[in-house]
């Protein structure tokens, strides 16, 4: 079965597929953000370890079936090593709640620009690690 590629001119992006978001998420990983691979996560493959084409730009994939990724990369540990988790807006807010970030500080991350708001949430996560 062949997937239909994401069309940034027509489709509504579920997350910003920008290099800025990917690089910042890699910084979160480098600074200790732990990811337990599970369905519902977007990941970036900066080293192009996955040999299948993603429907999303910039080597970004959506994890629907963890075992599918485990087969391609060998294990969950290999997924953690080779892929960079791109927390969604919702996941970022849940992470901040787990880090006991006051609700006012989370709300202060708001921006009219959705990408900037996500980066603001990532910055808050980085400060809490």
N, C-alpha and C. Protein backbone atom coordinates (compact mmCIF):
# COMPACT_ATOMS: atom_id res chain seq x y z
N UNK A 1 0.84 -1.18 0.00
CA UNK A 1 0.00 0.00 0.00
C UNK A 1 0.89 1.24 0.00
N UNK A 2 0.63 2.14 -0.89
CA UNK A 2 1.42 3.36 -1.03
C UNK A 2 0.71 4.52 -0.32
N UNK A 3 1.46 5.29 0.43
CA UNK A 3 0.85 6.40 1.16
C UNK A 3 0.80 7.65 0.28
N UNK A 4 -0.16 8.49 0.57
CA UNK A 4 -0.28 9.77 -0.13
C UNK A 4 0.56 10.79 0.62
N UNK A 5 1.46 11.48 -0.07
CA UNK A 5 2.31 12.44 0.64
C UNK A 5 1.52 13.63 1.17
N UNK A 6 2.01 14.18 2.25
CA UNK A 6 1.45 15.39 2.84
C UNK A 6 1.67 16.55 1.87
N UNK A 7 0.66 17.36 1.68
CA UNK A 7 0.75 18.51 0.79
C UNK A 7 0.65 19.78 1.64
N UNK A 8 1.79 20.45 1.89
CA UNK A 8 1.76 21.62 2.76
C UNK A 8 0.91 22.77 2.23
N UNK A 9 0.60 22.77 0.93
CA UNK A 9 -0.23 23.83 0.37
C UNK A 9 -1.72 23.58 0.60
N UNK A 10 -2.09 22.33 0.79
CA UNK A 10 -3.50 21.97 0.92
C UNK A 10 -3.87 21.38 2.29
N UNK A 11 -2.94 20.64 2.89
CA UNK A 11 -3.24 19.90 4.12
C UNK A 11 -2.92 20.73 5.36
N UNK A 12 -3.67 20.50 6.42
CA UNK A 12 -3.41 21.16 7.71
C UNK A 12 -2.40 20.31 8.47
N UNK A 13 -1.26 20.89 8.76
CA UNK A 13 -0.19 20.15 9.43
C UNK A 13 -0.57 19.83 10.88
N UNK A 14 -0.38 18.58 11.32
CA UNK A 14 -0.67 18.23 12.72
C UNK A 14 0.35 18.83 13.69
N UNK A 15 1.56 19.05 13.19
CA UNK A 15 2.62 19.73 13.94
C UNK A 15 3.41 20.54 12.93
N UNK A 16 4.20 21.54 13.39
CA UNK A 16 5.07 22.23 12.44
C UNK A 16 6.18 21.28 11.98
N UNK A 17 6.35 21.13 10.69
CA UNK A 17 7.37 20.23 10.16
C UNK A 17 8.64 21.00 9.82
N UNK A 18 9.02 21.94 10.65
CA UNK A 18 10.15 22.82 10.35
C UNK A 18 11.46 22.29 10.93
N UNK A 19 12.54 22.76 10.34
CA UNK A 19 13.86 22.42 10.85
C UNK A 19 14.05 22.96 12.27
N UNK A 20 13.51 24.14 12.54
CA UNK A 20 13.64 24.73 13.89
C UNK A 20 13.06 23.81 14.95
N UNK A 21 11.88 23.26 14.69
CA UNK A 21 11.24 22.36 15.65
C UNK A 21 12.07 21.09 15.81
N UNK A 22 12.54 20.54 14.70
CA UNK A 22 13.35 19.31 14.76
C UNK A 22 14.64 19.52 15.55
N UNK A 23 15.33 20.60 15.25
CA UNK A 23 16.61 20.87 15.93
C UNK A 23 16.37 21.13 17.42
N UNK A 24 15.31 21.84 17.76
CA UNK A 24 15.03 22.10 19.18
C UNK A 24 14.69 20.81 19.89
N UNK A 25 13.92 19.93 19.24
CA UNK A 25 13.58 18.64 19.85
C UNK A 25 14.84 17.80 20.06
N UNK A 26 15.77 17.88 19.13
CA UNK A 26 17.05 17.16 19.28
C UNK A 26 17.81 17.70 20.49
N UNK A 27 17.72 19.01 20.72
CA UNK A 27 18.33 19.63 21.89
C UNK A 27 17.67 19.12 23.17
N UNK A 28 16.34 18.95 23.15
CA UNK A 28 15.65 18.37 24.31
C UNK A 28 16.18 16.97 24.60
N UNK A 29 16.32 16.18 23.55
CA UNK A 29 16.84 14.81 23.70
C UNK A 29 18.25 14.84 24.28
N UNK A 30 19.10 15.70 23.74
CA UNK A 30 20.49 15.81 24.21
C UNK A 30 20.57 16.24 25.67
N UNK A 31 19.55 16.95 26.13
CA UNK A 31 19.53 17.45 27.51
C UNK A 31 18.72 16.58 28.46
N UNK A 32 18.40 15.36 28.01
CA UNK A 32 17.83 14.40 28.94
C UNK A 32 16.36 14.08 28.81
N UNK A 33 15.67 14.60 27.79
CA UNK A 33 14.26 14.24 27.63
C UNK A 33 14.18 12.77 27.22
N UNK A 34 13.53 11.99 28.04
CA UNK A 34 13.42 10.55 27.80
C UNK A 34 12.11 10.28 27.08
N UNK A 35 12.20 9.46 26.04
CA UNK A 35 11.02 9.10 25.25
C UNK A 35 10.83 7.60 25.29
N UNK A 36 9.64 7.19 25.65
CA UNK A 36 9.28 5.78 25.58
C UNK A 36 8.45 5.61 24.31
N UNK A 37 9.02 4.99 23.26
CA UNK A 37 8.28 4.87 22.00
C UNK A 37 6.89 4.28 22.20
N UNK A 38 5.90 4.98 21.68
CA UNK A 38 4.52 4.52 21.76
C UNK A 38 3.71 5.11 20.60
N UNK A 39 2.58 4.50 20.30
CA UNK A 39 1.76 5.02 19.20
C UNK A 39 1.33 6.46 19.48
N UNK A 40 1.24 7.23 18.41
CA UNK A 40 0.77 8.60 18.54
C UNK A 40 1.87 9.64 18.59
N UNK A 41 3.11 9.22 18.34
CA UNK A 41 4.24 10.15 18.41
C UNK A 41 4.77 10.47 17.01
N UNK A 42 5.13 11.73 16.82
CA UNK A 42 5.87 12.11 15.63
C UNK A 42 7.35 12.01 15.97
N UNK A 43 8.14 11.53 15.01
CA UNK A 43 9.58 11.41 15.21
C UNK A 43 10.30 11.94 13.97
N UNK A 44 11.49 12.43 14.21
CA UNK A 44 12.37 12.90 13.14
C UNK A 44 13.51 11.91 13.02
N UNK A 45 13.86 11.57 11.81
CA UNK A 45 14.96 10.64 11.52
C UNK A 45 16.10 11.42 10.88
N UNK A 46 16.93 12.11 11.70
CA UNK A 46 17.96 12.98 11.13
C UNK A 46 19.04 12.22 10.37
N UNK A 47 19.30 10.97 10.74
CA UNK A 47 20.36 10.20 10.07
C UNK A 47 19.83 9.34 8.93
N UNK A 48 18.53 9.44 8.67
CA UNK A 48 17.89 8.66 7.60
C UNK A 48 18.10 7.16 7.79
N UNK A 49 17.91 6.72 9.01
CA UNK A 49 18.03 5.29 9.34
C UNK A 49 16.88 4.48 8.78
N UNK A 50 15.72 5.10 8.65
CA UNK A 50 14.54 4.40 8.13
C UNK A 50 14.61 4.39 6.61
N UNK A 51 14.44 3.23 6.04
CA UNK A 51 14.57 3.09 4.58
C UNK A 51 13.24 3.18 3.86
N UNK A 52 12.20 3.57 4.56
CA UNK A 52 10.89 3.77 3.93
C UNK A 52 10.63 5.27 3.81
N UNK A 53 9.87 5.64 2.83
CA UNK A 53 9.54 7.04 2.61
C UNK A 53 8.40 7.46 3.53
N UNK A 54 8.55 8.61 4.13
CA UNK A 54 7.49 9.16 4.97
C UNK A 54 6.56 10.03 4.11
N UNK A 55 5.28 10.05 4.44
CA UNK A 55 4.40 10.97 3.72
C UNK A 55 4.62 12.43 4.14
N UNK A 56 5.38 12.62 5.24
CA UNK A 56 5.63 13.96 5.76
C UNK A 56 6.99 14.46 5.30
N UNK A 57 7.19 15.78 5.25
CA UNK A 57 8.48 16.33 4.83
C UNK A 57 9.57 16.16 5.89
N UNK A 58 10.80 16.37 5.47
CA UNK A 58 11.97 16.46 6.36
C UNK A 58 12.22 15.20 7.18
N UNK A 59 11.94 14.03 6.63
CA UNK A 59 12.19 12.76 7.33
C UNK A 59 11.46 12.68 8.66
N UNK A 60 10.25 13.18 8.68
CA UNK A 60 9.40 13.10 9.87
C UNK A 60 8.40 11.97 9.65
N UNK A 61 8.24 11.16 10.68
CA UNK A 61 7.36 9.99 10.63
C UNK A 61 6.37 10.04 11.78
N UNK A 62 5.26 9.35 11.60
CA UNK A 62 4.27 9.20 12.66
C UNK A 62 4.28 7.75 13.11
N UNK A 63 4.45 7.52 14.40
CA UNK A 63 4.47 6.17 14.95
C UNK A 63 3.03 5.74 15.20
N UNK A 64 2.58 4.82 14.39
CA UNK A 64 1.26 4.23 14.57
C UNK A 64 1.40 2.84 15.17
N UNK A 65 2.42 2.13 14.70
CA UNK A 65 2.67 0.76 15.14
C UNK A 65 4.14 0.66 15.57
N UNK A 66 4.39 0.60 16.86
CA UNK A 66 5.76 0.57 17.37
C UNK A 66 6.52 -0.64 16.83
N UNK A 67 5.87 -1.78 16.75
CA UNK A 67 6.58 -2.99 16.30
C UNK A 67 7.06 -2.83 14.85
N UNK A 68 6.37 -2.05 14.05
CA UNK A 68 6.82 -1.79 12.68
C UNK A 68 8.17 -1.06 12.70
N UNK A 69 8.30 -0.07 13.57
CA UNK A 69 9.56 0.67 13.69
C UNK A 69 10.64 -0.20 14.32
N UNK A 70 10.26 -1.04 15.28
CA UNK A 70 11.22 -1.96 15.90
C UNK A 70 11.80 -2.91 14.85
N UNK A 71 10.96 -3.40 13.95
CA UNK A 71 11.44 -4.29 12.89
C UNK A 71 12.44 -3.58 11.99
N UNK A 72 12.17 -2.32 11.68
CA UNK A 72 13.06 -1.56 10.79
C UNK A 72 14.38 -1.20 11.46
N UNK A 73 14.33 -0.90 12.77
CA UNK A 73 15.52 -0.42 13.46
C UNK A 73 16.13 -1.43 14.42
N UNK A 74 15.42 -2.50 14.74
CA UNK A 74 15.99 -3.56 15.58
C UNK A 74 15.43 -3.66 16.98
N UNK A 75 15.06 -2.53 17.59
CA UNK A 75 14.58 -2.56 18.97
C UNK A 75 14.03 -1.19 19.35
N UNK A 76 13.35 -1.16 20.50
CA UNK A 76 12.90 0.14 21.03
C UNK A 76 14.10 1.01 21.39
N UNK A 77 15.14 0.37 21.91
CA UNK A 77 16.34 1.14 22.26
C UNK A 77 16.95 1.80 21.02
N UNK A 78 16.97 1.08 19.91
CA UNK A 78 17.47 1.66 18.66
C UNK A 78 16.58 2.81 18.21
N UNK A 79 15.28 2.68 18.42
CA UNK A 79 14.37 3.79 18.11
C UNK A 79 14.74 5.02 18.93
N UNK A 80 14.98 4.81 20.22
CA UNK A 80 15.34 5.93 21.10
C UNK A 80 16.64 6.59 20.65
N UNK A 81 17.61 5.76 20.25
CA UNK A 81 18.92 6.28 19.84
C UNK A 81 18.86 7.02 18.52
N UNK A 82 18.19 6.46 17.54
CA UNK A 82 18.27 6.98 16.17
C UNK A 82 17.22 8.02 15.82
N UNK A 83 16.11 8.00 16.52
CA UNK A 83 15.02 8.92 16.19
C UNK A 83 14.91 10.02 17.24
N UNK A 84 14.37 11.13 16.84
CA UNK A 84 14.15 12.25 17.75
C UNK A 84 12.64 12.45 17.88
N UNK A 85 12.16 12.35 19.10
CA UNK A 85 10.74 12.56 19.36
C UNK A 85 10.40 14.03 19.21
N UNK A 86 9.32 14.32 18.49
CA UNK A 86 8.82 15.67 18.32
C UNK A 86 7.50 15.78 19.09
N UNK A 87 7.57 16.13 20.37
CA UNK A 87 6.31 16.21 21.13
C UNK A 87 5.32 17.17 20.47
N UNK A 88 4.08 16.75 20.40
CA UNK A 88 3.03 17.62 19.89
C UNK A 88 2.72 18.68 20.95
N UNK A 89 1.88 19.64 20.59
CA UNK A 89 1.45 20.66 21.55
C UNK A 89 0.85 19.99 22.79
N UNK A 90 -0.02 19.02 22.57
CA UNK A 90 -0.68 18.33 23.69
C UNK A 90 0.33 17.57 24.53
N UNK A 91 1.23 16.84 23.88
CA UNK A 91 2.25 16.08 24.62
C UNK A 91 3.18 17.02 25.39
N UNK A 92 3.52 18.15 24.79
CA UNK A 92 4.39 19.11 25.47
C UNK A 92 3.72 19.65 26.73
N UNK A 93 2.45 19.95 26.65
CA UNK A 93 1.72 20.44 27.83
C UNK A 93 1.64 19.36 28.91
N UNK A 94 1.41 18.11 28.50
CA UNK A 94 1.39 17.01 29.48
C UNK A 94 2.75 16.83 30.14
N UNK A 95 3.83 16.97 29.36
CA UNK A 95 5.18 16.89 29.93
C UNK A 95 5.39 17.99 30.97
N UNK A 96 4.95 19.19 30.64
CA UNK A 96 5.10 20.30 31.59
C UNK A 96 4.31 20.05 32.87
N UNK A 97 3.14 19.46 32.75
CA UNK A 97 2.38 19.10 33.94
C UNK A 97 3.14 18.09 34.78
N UNK A 98 3.76 17.09 34.12
CA UNK A 98 4.56 16.09 34.84
C UNK A 98 5.76 16.73 35.52
N UNK A 99 6.27 17.81 34.92
CA UNK A 99 7.40 18.53 35.51
C UNK A 99 6.94 19.53 36.58
N UNK A 100 5.65 19.49 36.91
CA UNK A 100 5.06 20.38 37.92
C UNK A 100 5.21 21.86 37.58
N UNK A 101 5.13 22.17 36.30
CA UNK A 101 5.19 23.56 35.86
C UNK A 101 3.85 24.22 36.19
N UNK A 102 3.88 25.37 36.85
CA UNK A 102 2.62 26.05 37.17
C UNK A 102 1.81 26.35 35.90
N UNK A 103 0.52 26.22 36.02
CA UNK A 103 -0.38 26.41 34.88
C UNK A 103 -0.23 27.80 34.25
N UNK A 104 0.09 28.79 35.07
CA UNK A 104 0.27 30.16 34.56
C UNK A 104 1.48 30.22 33.63
N UNK A 105 2.54 29.48 33.97
CA UNK A 105 3.74 29.46 33.13
C UNK A 105 3.48 28.75 31.81
N UNK A 106 2.67 27.70 31.87
CA UNK A 106 2.31 27.00 30.64
C UNK A 106 1.47 27.92 29.76
N UNK A 107 0.51 28.60 30.36
CA UNK A 107 -0.35 29.52 29.60
C UNK A 107 0.45 30.66 29.00
N UNK A 108 1.52 31.07 29.67
CA UNK A 108 2.36 32.17 29.17
C UNK A 108 3.12 31.79 27.90
N UNK A 109 3.12 30.53 27.54
CA UNK A 109 3.80 30.08 26.32
C UNK A 109 2.99 30.40 25.07
N UNK A 110 1.76 30.85 25.25
CA UNK A 110 0.89 31.12 24.10
C UNK A 110 1.54 32.08 23.10
N UNK A 111 1.34 31.79 21.83
CA UNK A 111 1.73 32.70 20.76
C UNK A 111 0.70 32.58 19.64
N UNK A 112 0.47 33.67 18.93
CA UNK A 112 -0.43 33.60 17.78
C UNK A 112 0.15 32.71 16.68
N UNK A 113 1.45 32.57 16.67
CA UNK A 113 2.13 31.70 15.70
C UNK A 113 2.25 30.30 16.31
N UNK A 114 1.56 29.30 15.76
CA UNK A 114 1.56 27.96 16.36
C UNK A 114 2.96 27.35 16.51
N UNK A 115 3.83 27.58 15.52
CA UNK A 115 5.19 27.03 15.64
C UNK A 115 5.92 27.67 16.81
N UNK A 116 5.79 28.99 16.95
CA UNK A 116 6.45 29.67 18.06
C UNK A 116 5.90 29.20 19.40
N UNK A 117 4.60 28.97 19.47
CA UNK A 117 4.02 28.48 20.72
C UNK A 117 4.62 27.12 21.09
N UNK A 118 4.75 26.23 20.10
CA UNK A 118 5.35 24.92 20.38
C UNK A 118 6.79 25.08 20.83
N UNK A 119 7.54 25.97 20.19
CA UNK A 119 8.92 26.22 20.61
C UNK A 119 8.97 26.82 22.01
N UNK A 120 8.01 27.66 22.36
CA UNK A 120 7.94 28.20 23.72
C UNK A 120 7.72 27.08 24.73
N UNK A 121 6.84 26.14 24.38
CA UNK A 121 6.61 24.98 25.26
C UNK A 121 7.88 24.14 25.38
N UNK A 122 8.56 23.93 24.26
CA UNK A 122 9.82 23.17 24.28
C UNK A 122 10.85 23.86 25.17
N UNK A 123 10.92 25.18 25.09
CA UNK A 123 11.86 25.94 25.93
C UNK A 123 11.54 25.73 27.40
N UNK A 124 10.27 25.76 27.73
CA UNK A 124 9.85 25.55 29.12
C UNK A 124 10.22 24.14 29.57
N UNK A 125 10.04 23.14 28.68
CA UNK A 125 10.43 21.76 29.01
C UNK A 125 11.93 21.70 29.25
N UNK A 126 12.71 22.32 28.36
CA UNK A 126 14.17 22.32 28.50
C UNK A 126 14.57 22.91 29.85
N UNK A 127 13.93 23.98 30.24
CA UNK A 127 14.25 24.61 31.53
C UNK A 127 13.88 23.73 32.71
N UNK A 128 12.94 22.81 32.51
CA UNK A 128 12.51 21.92 33.59
C UNK A 128 13.27 20.61 33.68
N UNK A 129 14.10 20.32 32.66
CA UNK A 129 14.85 19.05 32.68
C UNK A 129 16.01 19.09 33.66
